C-alpha cells in the first residue's frame, strides 16, 4: 500500500494500529497489500472501533494486514465473534475487489504463477 494511504489509515484509526505518541511522524505500520483494498480496510477498522467504543470492550488491535494467496489476510488481537464476522466480511470482499484500483475484480493466476484479484483493466496493465 502506498505511504499516503497507509498514513491516512493510521491517523484515522490509531487505536486499531496501536499508534503511540512516541512513534515518529514518519512511522509506517506495514500494511502489505494493494491500494485498492484501502476502502475495505478502512470500513473494517471503522466497524471494529465502533464496536469497541459502543461496548466499552478492551481495544481490538491489528497484528497483521497483508495480501496472501490472492486475498486480504487480517489478524487482530482482542476480537470477539462479532469482530471476527466484520473481519471475515472484509476478507470475503477482497475476493471480488481489484487489489490495485478497488473496482470489481476476479481472482486468477497470472502468467508468472501469482494469484491476484484484478479488474480487467488492471490485469491488462499488470500482466505479471
N, C-alpha and C. Protein backbone atom coordinates (compact mmCIF):
# COMPACT_ATOMS: atom_id res chain seq x y z
N UNK A 1 0.85 -1.17 0.00
CA UNK A 1 0.00 0.00 0.00
C UNK A 1 0.90 1.23 0.00
N UNK A 2 0.49 2.25 -0.74
CA UNK A 2 1.33 3.43 -0.79
C UNK A 2 1.32 4.15 0.57
N UNK A 3 2.38 4.89 0.82
CA UNK A 3 2.56 5.53 2.13
C UNK A 3 1.43 6.47 2.49
N UNK A 4 0.94 7.23 1.53
CA UNK A 4 -0.12 8.20 1.81
C UNK A 4 -1.39 7.50 2.31
N UNK A 5 -1.80 6.44 1.63
CA UNK A 5 -2.99 5.70 2.06
C UNK A 5 -2.77 5.07 3.43
N UNK A 6 -1.60 4.49 3.64
CA UNK A 6 -1.32 3.87 4.94
C UNK A 6 -1.34 4.92 6.05
N UNK A 7 -0.71 6.06 5.82
CA UNK A 7 -0.71 7.12 6.84
C UNK A 7 -2.14 7.61 7.13
N UNK A 8 -2.99 7.65 6.12
CA UNK A 8 -4.38 8.05 6.32
C UNK A 8 -5.08 7.04 7.24
N UNK A 9 -4.89 5.76 6.97
CA UNK A 9 -5.49 4.73 7.83
C UNK A 9 -4.95 4.81 9.25
N UNK A 10 -3.66 5.00 9.39
CA UNK A 10 -3.05 5.09 10.72
C UNK A 10 -3.57 6.29 11.50
N UNK A 11 -3.76 7.41 10.81
CA UNK A 11 -4.24 8.62 11.50
C UNK A 11 -5.72 8.51 11.86
N UNK A 12 -6.51 7.80 11.06
CA UNK A 12 -7.94 7.64 11.35
C UNK A 12 -8.20 6.61 12.44
N UNK A 13 -7.32 5.61 12.54
CA UNK A 13 -7.54 4.50 13.47
C UNK A 13 -6.29 4.21 14.31
N UNK A 14 -5.80 5.20 15.05
CA UNK A 14 -4.56 4.98 15.81
C UNK A 14 -4.69 3.88 16.87
N UNK A 15 -5.88 3.73 17.44
CA UNK A 15 -6.07 2.70 18.46
C UNK A 15 -5.99 1.31 17.85
N UNK A 16 -6.60 1.14 16.68
CA UNK A 16 -6.58 -0.16 16.00
C UNK A 16 -5.15 -0.57 15.66
N UNK A 17 -4.34 0.41 15.24
CA UNK A 17 -2.96 0.11 14.84
C UNK A 17 -1.96 0.33 15.98
N UNK A 18 -2.47 0.58 17.17
CA UNK A 18 -1.63 0.73 18.37
C UNK A 18 -0.54 1.79 18.18
N UNK A 19 -0.94 2.93 17.58
CA UNK A 19 -0.02 4.03 17.36
C UNK A 19 0.13 4.81 18.66
N UNK A 20 1.36 5.06 19.03
CA UNK A 20 1.66 5.79 20.26
C UNK A 20 2.19 7.18 19.94
N UNK A 21 2.02 8.10 20.85
CA UNK A 21 2.53 9.46 20.63
C UNK A 21 4.04 9.47 20.47
N UNK A 22 4.72 8.48 21.02
CA UNK A 22 6.18 8.42 20.91
C UNK A 22 6.65 7.90 19.56
N UNK A 23 5.73 7.36 18.75
CA UNK A 23 6.12 6.89 17.42
C UNK A 23 6.50 8.09 16.56
N UNK A 24 7.52 7.96 15.72
CA UNK A 24 7.93 9.09 14.86
C UNK A 24 6.83 9.45 13.86
N UNK A 25 6.84 10.69 13.40
CA UNK A 25 5.84 11.17 12.45
C UNK A 25 5.84 10.38 11.15
N UNK A 26 6.99 9.84 10.76
CA UNK A 26 7.07 9.11 9.50
C UNK A 26 6.89 7.60 9.70
N UNK A 27 6.33 7.21 10.85
CA UNK A 27 6.12 5.80 11.17
C UNK A 27 5.15 5.15 10.18
N UNK A 28 5.52 4.00 9.68
CA UNK A 28 4.62 3.18 8.86
C UNK A 28 4.43 1.84 9.57
N UNK A 29 3.21 1.39 9.62
CA UNK A 29 2.86 0.18 10.34
C UNK A 29 3.23 -1.06 9.54
N UNK A 30 3.03 -1.01 8.23
CA UNK A 30 3.38 -2.13 7.37
C UNK A 30 2.19 -2.87 6.80
N UNK A 31 1.18 -2.14 6.35
CA UNK A 31 0.05 -2.76 5.67
C UNK A 31 0.55 -3.21 4.30
N UNK A 32 0.55 -4.51 4.07
CA UNK A 32 1.19 -5.07 2.89
C UNK A 32 0.15 -5.61 1.91
N UNK A 33 -0.49 -4.69 1.18
CA UNK A 33 -1.46 -5.08 0.16
C UNK A 33 -1.62 -3.93 -0.82
N UNK A 34 -2.41 -4.15 -1.85
CA UNK A 34 -2.62 -3.12 -2.86
C UNK A 34 -3.51 -1.99 -2.38
N UNK A 35 -3.38 -0.86 -3.04
CA UNK A 35 -4.14 0.35 -2.69
C UNK A 35 -5.65 0.16 -2.83
N UNK A 36 -6.07 -0.71 -3.73
CA UNK A 36 -7.50 -0.92 -3.97
C UNK A 36 -8.24 -1.49 -2.78
N UNK A 37 -7.52 -2.09 -1.85
CA UNK A 37 -8.17 -2.66 -0.67
C UNK A 37 -8.22 -1.68 0.50
N UNK A 38 -7.69 -0.48 0.34
CA UNK A 38 -7.73 0.51 1.42
C UNK A 38 -9.16 0.80 1.89
N UNK A 39 -10.15 0.96 0.98
CA UNK A 39 -11.52 1.17 1.47
C UNK A 39 -12.07 -0.01 2.27
N UNK A 40 -11.70 -1.24 1.90
CA UNK A 40 -12.13 -2.42 2.67
C UNK A 40 -11.54 -2.37 4.08
N UNK A 41 -10.28 -2.03 4.15
CA UNK A 41 -9.60 -1.97 5.45
C UNK A 41 -10.18 -0.84 6.29
N UNK A 42 -10.43 0.31 5.67
CA UNK A 42 -11.00 1.45 6.41
C UNK A 42 -12.38 1.11 6.95
N UNK A 43 -13.23 0.48 6.14
CA UNK A 43 -14.58 0.11 6.59
C UNK A 43 -14.50 -0.90 7.73
N UNK A 44 -13.60 -1.86 7.61
CA UNK A 44 -13.41 -2.85 8.66
C UNK A 44 -12.96 -2.19 9.96
N UNK A 45 -11.96 -1.33 9.87
CA UNK A 45 -11.44 -0.65 11.06
C UNK A 45 -12.51 0.25 11.70
N UNK A 46 -13.29 0.92 10.88
CA UNK A 46 -14.35 1.79 11.40
C UNK A 46 -15.36 0.96 12.20
N UNK A 47 -15.76 -0.18 11.67
CA UNK A 47 -16.73 -1.04 12.38
C UNK A 47 -16.12 -1.63 13.65
N UNK A 48 -14.86 -2.02 13.59
CA UNK A 48 -14.21 -2.58 14.77
C UNK A 48 -14.07 -1.55 15.87
N UNK A 49 -13.66 -0.32 15.50
CA UNK A 49 -13.51 0.72 16.51
C UNK A 49 -14.85 1.12 17.09
N UNK A 50 -15.89 1.15 16.24
CA UNK A 50 -17.24 1.44 16.73
C UNK A 50 -17.66 0.40 17.77
N UNK A 51 -17.36 -0.86 17.50
CA UNK A 51 -17.69 -1.94 18.45
C UNK A 51 -17.00 -1.70 19.79
N UNK A 52 -15.74 -1.36 19.76
CA UNK A 52 -15.00 -1.09 21.00
C UNK A 52 -15.63 0.09 21.74
N UNK A 53 -15.88 1.18 21.03
CA UNK A 53 -16.41 2.39 21.65
C UNK A 53 -17.83 2.19 22.19
N UNK A 54 -18.65 1.43 21.46
CA UNK A 54 -20.05 1.25 21.85
C UNK A 54 -20.23 0.25 22.99
N UNK A 55 -19.31 -0.65 23.16
CA UNK A 55 -19.47 -1.70 24.17
C UNK A 55 -18.49 -1.60 25.32
N UNK A 56 -17.59 -0.65 25.27
CA UNK A 56 -16.55 -0.49 26.30
C UNK A 56 -15.71 -1.76 26.46
N UNK A 57 -15.54 -2.50 25.37
CA UNK A 57 -14.68 -3.68 25.38
C UNK A 57 -13.22 -3.24 25.36
N UNK A 58 -12.32 -4.16 25.66
CA UNK A 58 -10.90 -3.84 25.50
C UNK A 58 -10.60 -3.53 24.04
N UNK A 59 -9.60 -2.71 23.81
CA UNK A 59 -9.24 -2.29 22.46
C UNK A 59 -8.84 -3.47 21.59
N UNK A 60 -9.40 -3.54 20.39
CA UNK A 60 -9.02 -4.51 19.37
C UNK A 60 -7.80 -3.92 18.65
N UNK A 61 -6.77 -4.74 18.45
CA UNK A 61 -5.53 -4.25 17.85
C UNK A 61 -5.13 -5.14 16.67
N UNK A 62 -4.82 -4.51 15.56
CA UNK A 62 -4.34 -5.22 14.37
C UNK A 62 -2.93 -5.73 14.63
N UNK A 63 -2.69 -6.97 14.28
CA UNK A 63 -1.34 -7.52 14.38
C UNK A 63 -0.73 -7.79 13.01
N UNK A 64 -1.61 -7.95 11.98
CA UNK A 64 -1.11 -8.17 10.63
C UNK A 64 -2.23 -7.89 9.63
N UNK A 65 -1.90 -7.15 8.59
CA UNK A 65 -2.80 -6.94 7.45
C UNK A 65 -1.94 -7.05 6.21
N UNK A 66 -2.26 -8.05 5.38
CA UNK A 66 -1.42 -8.29 4.21
C UNK A 66 -2.19 -9.00 3.11
N UNK A 67 -1.56 -9.11 1.99
CA UNK A 67 -2.04 -9.86 0.83
C UNK A 67 -1.37 -11.23 0.89
N UNK A 68 -2.18 -12.28 0.82
CA UNK A 68 -1.59 -13.62 0.80
C UNK A 68 -2.49 -14.54 -0.01
N UNK A 69 -1.90 -15.26 -0.93
CA UNK A 69 -2.63 -16.21 -1.77
C UNK A 69 -3.80 -15.55 -2.50
N UNK A 70 -3.63 -14.29 -2.89
CA UNK A 70 -4.62 -13.59 -3.68
C UNK A 70 -5.69 -12.83 -2.91
N UNK A 71 -5.73 -12.98 -1.59
CA UNK A 71 -6.77 -12.30 -0.81
C UNK A 71 -6.18 -11.54 0.36
N UNK A 72 -7.02 -10.74 0.97
CA UNK A 72 -6.63 -9.97 2.15
C UNK A 72 -6.58 -10.90 3.35
N UNK A 73 -5.53 -10.79 4.13
CA UNK A 73 -5.39 -11.55 5.38
C UNK A 73 -5.25 -10.55 6.52
N UNK A 74 -6.09 -10.71 7.54
CA UNK A 74 -6.10 -9.78 8.66
C UNK A 74 -6.08 -10.55 9.97
N UNK A 75 -5.19 -10.16 10.86
CA UNK A 75 -5.12 -10.78 12.18
C UNK A 75 -5.23 -9.68 13.22
N UNK A 76 -6.09 -9.88 14.20
CA UNK A 76 -6.32 -8.92 15.27
C UNK A 76 -6.27 -9.61 16.61
N UNK A 77 -5.81 -8.90 17.63
CA UNK A 77 -5.92 -9.42 18.99
C UNK A 77 -7.13 -8.76 19.65
N UNK A 78 -7.79 -9.52 20.50
CA UNK A 78 -8.93 -8.99 21.24
C UNK A 78 -10.25 -9.02 20.50
N UNK A 79 -10.33 -9.76 19.39
CA UNK A 79 -11.57 -9.82 18.60
C UNK A 79 -12.54 -10.83 19.19
N UNK A 80 -13.81 -10.45 19.27
CA UNK A 80 -14.87 -11.37 19.67
C UNK A 80 -15.55 -11.92 18.41
N UNK A 81 -16.62 -12.67 18.57
CA UNK A 81 -17.30 -13.26 17.42
C UNK A 81 -17.82 -12.20 16.46
N UNK A 82 -18.38 -11.11 16.98
CA UNK A 82 -18.87 -10.03 16.13
C UNK A 82 -17.72 -9.46 15.30
N UNK A 83 -16.61 -9.17 15.96
CA UNK A 83 -15.45 -8.60 15.27
C UNK A 83 -14.89 -9.57 14.23
N UNK A 84 -14.88 -10.85 14.56
CA UNK A 84 -14.41 -11.84 13.58
C UNK A 84 -15.32 -11.85 12.36
N UNK A 85 -16.62 -11.61 12.54
CA UNK A 85 -17.54 -11.50 11.42
C UNK A 85 -17.23 -10.30 10.55
N UNK A 86 -16.91 -9.18 11.18
CA UNK A 86 -16.53 -7.96 10.44
C UNK A 86 -15.26 -8.22 9.64
N UNK A 87 -14.29 -8.85 10.25
CA UNK A 87 -13.02 -9.17 9.58
C UNK A 87 -13.26 -10.13 8.43
N UNK A 88 -14.06 -11.17 8.67
CA UNK A 88 -14.36 -12.14 7.62
C UNK A 88 -15.07 -11.48 6.44
N UNK A 89 -15.92 -10.50 6.70
CA UNK A 89 -16.61 -9.79 5.62
C UNK A 89 -15.62 -9.02 4.75
N UNK A 90 -14.67 -8.33 5.38
CA UNK A 90 -13.65 -7.60 4.61
C UNK A 90 -12.82 -8.56 3.77
N UNK A 91 -12.45 -9.69 4.36
CA UNK A 91 -11.69 -10.69 3.62
C UNK A 91 -12.51 -11.22 2.45
N UNK A 92 -13.79 -11.51 2.68
CA UNK A 92 -14.65 -12.01 1.60
C UNK A 92 -14.77 -10.99 0.48
N UNK A 93 -14.84 -9.72 0.81
CA UNK A 93 -14.93 -8.67 -0.22
C UNK A 93 -13.64 -8.60 -1.05
N UNK A 94 -12.51 -8.99 -0.46
CA UNK A 94 -11.25 -8.94 -1.21
C UNK A 94 -11.22 -9.97 -2.34
N UNK A 95 -12.08 -10.99 -2.27
CA UNK A 95 -12.16 -11.98 -3.34
C UNK A 95 -12.71 -11.39 -4.64
N UNK A 96 -13.45 -10.28 -4.53
CA UNK A 96 -14.11 -9.70 -5.70
C UNK A 96 -13.78 -8.22 -5.90
N UNK A 97 -12.74 -7.74 -5.22
CA UNK A 97 -12.34 -6.33 -5.30
C UNK A 97 -10.92 -6.25 -5.85
N UNK A 98 -10.72 -5.51 -6.92
CA UNK A 98 -9.39 -5.36 -7.50
C UNK A 98 -8.45 -4.79 -6.46
N UNK A 99 -7.36 -5.48 -6.21
CA UNK A 99 -6.42 -5.05 -5.19
C UNK A 99 -5.65 -3.79 -5.58
N UNK A 100 -5.67 -3.43 -6.85
CA UNK A 100 -4.94 -2.24 -7.29
C UNK A 100 -5.79 -0.98 -7.33
N UNK A 101 -7.04 -1.10 -7.83
CA UNK A 101 -7.85 0.10 -8.02
C UNK A 101 -9.16 0.11 -7.22
N UNK A 102 -9.58 -1.04 -6.69
CA UNK A 102 -10.80 -1.11 -5.90
C UNK A 102 -12.06 -1.39 -6.70
N UNK A 103 -11.96 -1.50 -8.02
CA UNK A 103 -13.13 -1.86 -8.83
C UNK A 103 -13.43 -3.35 -8.67
N UNK A 104 -14.52 -3.79 -9.29
CA UNK A 104 -14.88 -5.20 -9.27
C UNK A 104 -13.75 -5.99 -9.91
N UNK A 105 -13.32 -7.04 -9.25
CA UNK A 105 -12.22 -7.85 -9.76
C UNK A 105 -12.53 -9.32 -9.74
N UNK A 106 -11.64 -10.09 -10.35
CA UNK A 106 -11.76 -11.53 -10.43
C UNK A 106 -10.41 -12.13 -10.02
N UNK A 107 -10.46 -13.19 -9.22
CA UNK A 107 -9.24 -13.87 -8.82
C UNK A 107 -8.77 -14.77 -9.96
N UNK A 108 -7.50 -14.67 -10.30
CA UNK A 108 -6.93 -15.51 -11.36
C UNK A 108 -5.42 -15.60 -11.16
N UNK A 109 -4.87 -16.66 -11.69
CA UNK A 109 -3.42 -16.86 -11.65
C UNK A 109 -2.82 -16.20 -12.89
N UNK A 110 -1.80 -15.38 -12.67
CA UNK A 110 -1.13 -14.72 -13.77
C UNK A 110 -0.11 -15.62 -14.43
N UNK A 111 0.52 -15.15 -15.51
CA UNK A 111 1.49 -15.98 -16.24
C UNK A 111 2.72 -16.36 -15.41
N UNK A 112 3.02 -15.58 -14.38
CA UNK A 112 4.16 -15.90 -13.52
C UNK A 112 3.75 -16.76 -12.32
N UNK A 113 2.47 -17.14 -12.28
CA UNK A 113 2.01 -18.02 -11.22
C UNK A 113 1.39 -17.35 -10.01
N UNK A 114 1.43 -16.01 -9.95
CA UNK A 114 0.87 -15.31 -8.80
C UNK A 114 -0.65 -15.24 -8.89
N UNK A 115 -1.31 -15.49 -7.78
CA UNK A 115 -2.76 -15.38 -7.71
C UNK A 115 -3.09 -13.97 -7.26
N UNK A 116 -3.93 -13.29 -8.04
CA UNK A 116 -4.29 -11.91 -7.72
C UNK A 116 -5.76 -11.67 -8.07
N UNK A 117 -6.35 -10.71 -7.39
CA UNK A 117 -7.69 -10.26 -7.72
C UNK A 117 -7.53 -8.92 -8.43
N UNK A 118 -7.87 -8.90 -9.71
CA UNK A 118 -7.71 -7.69 -10.52
C UNK A 118 -8.94 -7.49 -11.40
N UNK A 119 -9.21 -6.23 -11.72
CA UNK A 119 -10.24 -5.93 -12.72
C UNK A 119 -9.61 -6.15 -14.10
N UNK A 120 -10.43 -6.12 -15.12
CA UNK A 120 -9.93 -6.37 -16.48
C UNK A 120 -8.83 -5.38 -16.87
N UNK A 121 -9.04 -4.08 -16.57
CA UNK A 121 -8.06 -3.07 -16.98
C UNK A 121 -6.74 -3.25 -16.23
N UNK A 122 -6.78 -3.50 -14.94
CA UNK A 122 -5.55 -3.68 -14.17
C UNK A 122 -4.82 -4.97 -14.59
N UNK A 123 -5.58 -5.98 -14.99
CA UNK A 123 -4.95 -7.21 -15.47
C UNK A 123 -4.20 -6.95 -16.78
N UNK A 124 -4.78 -6.11 -17.65
CA UNK A 124 -4.09 -5.74 -18.90
C UNK A 124 -2.84 -4.91 -18.61
N UNK A 125 -2.96 -3.98 -17.65
CA UNK A 125 -1.86 -3.07 -17.33
C UNK A 125 -0.76 -3.75 -16.52
N UNK A 126 -1.09 -4.85 -15.83
CA UNK A 126 -0.15 -5.55 -14.93
C UNK A 126 -0.20 -7.05 -15.21
N UNK A 127 0.36 -7.49 -16.34
CA UNK A 127 0.20 -8.89 -16.74
C UNK A 127 0.93 -9.91 -15.86
N UNK A 128 1.81 -9.49 -14.98
CA UNK A 128 2.56 -10.42 -14.13
C UNK A 128 1.76 -10.95 -13.07
